[in-house]
Amino acid sequence: MHGFSPSEKAVNNTARVILAVVLLVSSLVPAVGDTGLSVDKRGDLLLGTVPFHGIGVNYYDAFTRTLDQPVRTNYDAGFRELAARRIPFARFSAGGYWPQDWILYRTNRAEYFKRLDGVVRSAENHGVGLIPSFFWHLSAVPDIVGEPCNRWGDTNSRTIFFMREYTRELVTRYNKSPAIWGWEFGNEYNLAADLPNAVEHRPPVVPTLGTPSQRTADDELTHAAIRVAFREFAFEVRKHDPHRIIVSGNAFPRLSAWHQAQEKSWKQDTREQFAEMLAADNPSPMNTLSVRGYDLAPDIGRLDQAMTVAHAAKKPLFVGEFGAPQDAAGESKEKFAAILAAIETNNVPLSALWVFDFEGQAKDWNVNVTNNRSWQLDAIQKANERMKRKR
């Protein structure tokens, strides 16, 4: 047997220590795939090349907080806490809410992307995946370019041109990042589509934040218009990223969505009409179905139907938001447990808690590691461990 000198033994011992540290760290930090989340031919969700089921969080203002205050890089501490709990990913707003919030992008893109780079780099360092949501508020982009909201449905509009440009910039900038798990268009545009009382629910008018001083019928959305926007977004993403998932960001279709689109009525849809609307509102090349999970009856009660549609369409279901607000009666834990159980029972591949480390909703929704709602992070961690054992 070959004998080692004292110096050789020291080198080997050091190597063993380094290897042990690497293995320990890798066991603590969730794995991040180089190509993020993708969908195979059977419609199964993959992380890299491995089937994936998991629950993350919405870290809504991880980036937008820096638009108000560039020194607010405390998102790094948040990603560190998520990694410590093996919470694998975060969905976040990758653009401003109001037109006013886009001023930096329009006047100093180098600084704008420096701040966004910081968020992505932090997630990379902590091994947390990211699903950026590009155009959170439905009226922001049309307001920026001086068009009404229905121009989302016009492929030659300034609204669509802006969308393509911003999408191209983000996807080409970050498509090599191991932190990016997928790309999302926006937040719940379908809920505003074809409302019978749309005149009462036009986007808000706040000129000091960059909106026009009035709204008209042209600011009312239709399902036809948002589907154009979704397809154009997905086409643009696919030019630059052939693999990662593309998400609409929709909520569940309203209970009357089909009848709203057909006849502007609140008449309740059949199961078949629900299935038609869920599939159509997530048009290819979008390759996921997006819903929400708040109310036990209209949302959680339809999870099984949504999963049936997902299997038929070969598009994994993403419950992009779920949660239970703080309540005086103390029922939030019971409701939260019921939602989490339904996600697991229905084998929902991807879901995300609303909302992590968001001071703007401190009263009812915010969950962080020190407040009285931190138990939700513990519950998610345990659910992820159960899901991992089932794989």
Foldseek 3Di string as FASTA:
>chain_A
DDDDDPVRVVVVVVVVVVVVVVVVLPVQFAAFAQQAWFFDPQLFIDRNNHGFFAEAAEAAVCQLVCLVPVVPNCVLVVLLVCSNLRRAEYEYELFDAALLSCVCCVPPVVVSVVSVVSSLVSCLVRNHAYEYAYHAHQCHLCLNVVHASLCLQPCPDPSVVVLLVVLLVVCQVPSRRSRYNAYEHYAAPLVQALALVNVVVFDDADVVRRGDNDHDPSNRHHLNSLLSNLASSQVSNCVRRVGHAYYHNHAQHQQCSQCSRVPNDSDGDDLVSSLVSQDSSQDPVRQAGEHAAEDCPPHLVCLLSVVVSSSVSSGAYERAEYAFWDDPVPCRVVVRVVSLVSCVVSVRRHYHYPHEPDPVPVRITYEYCPDPRVVSSVVSSVSRVVVVVVD
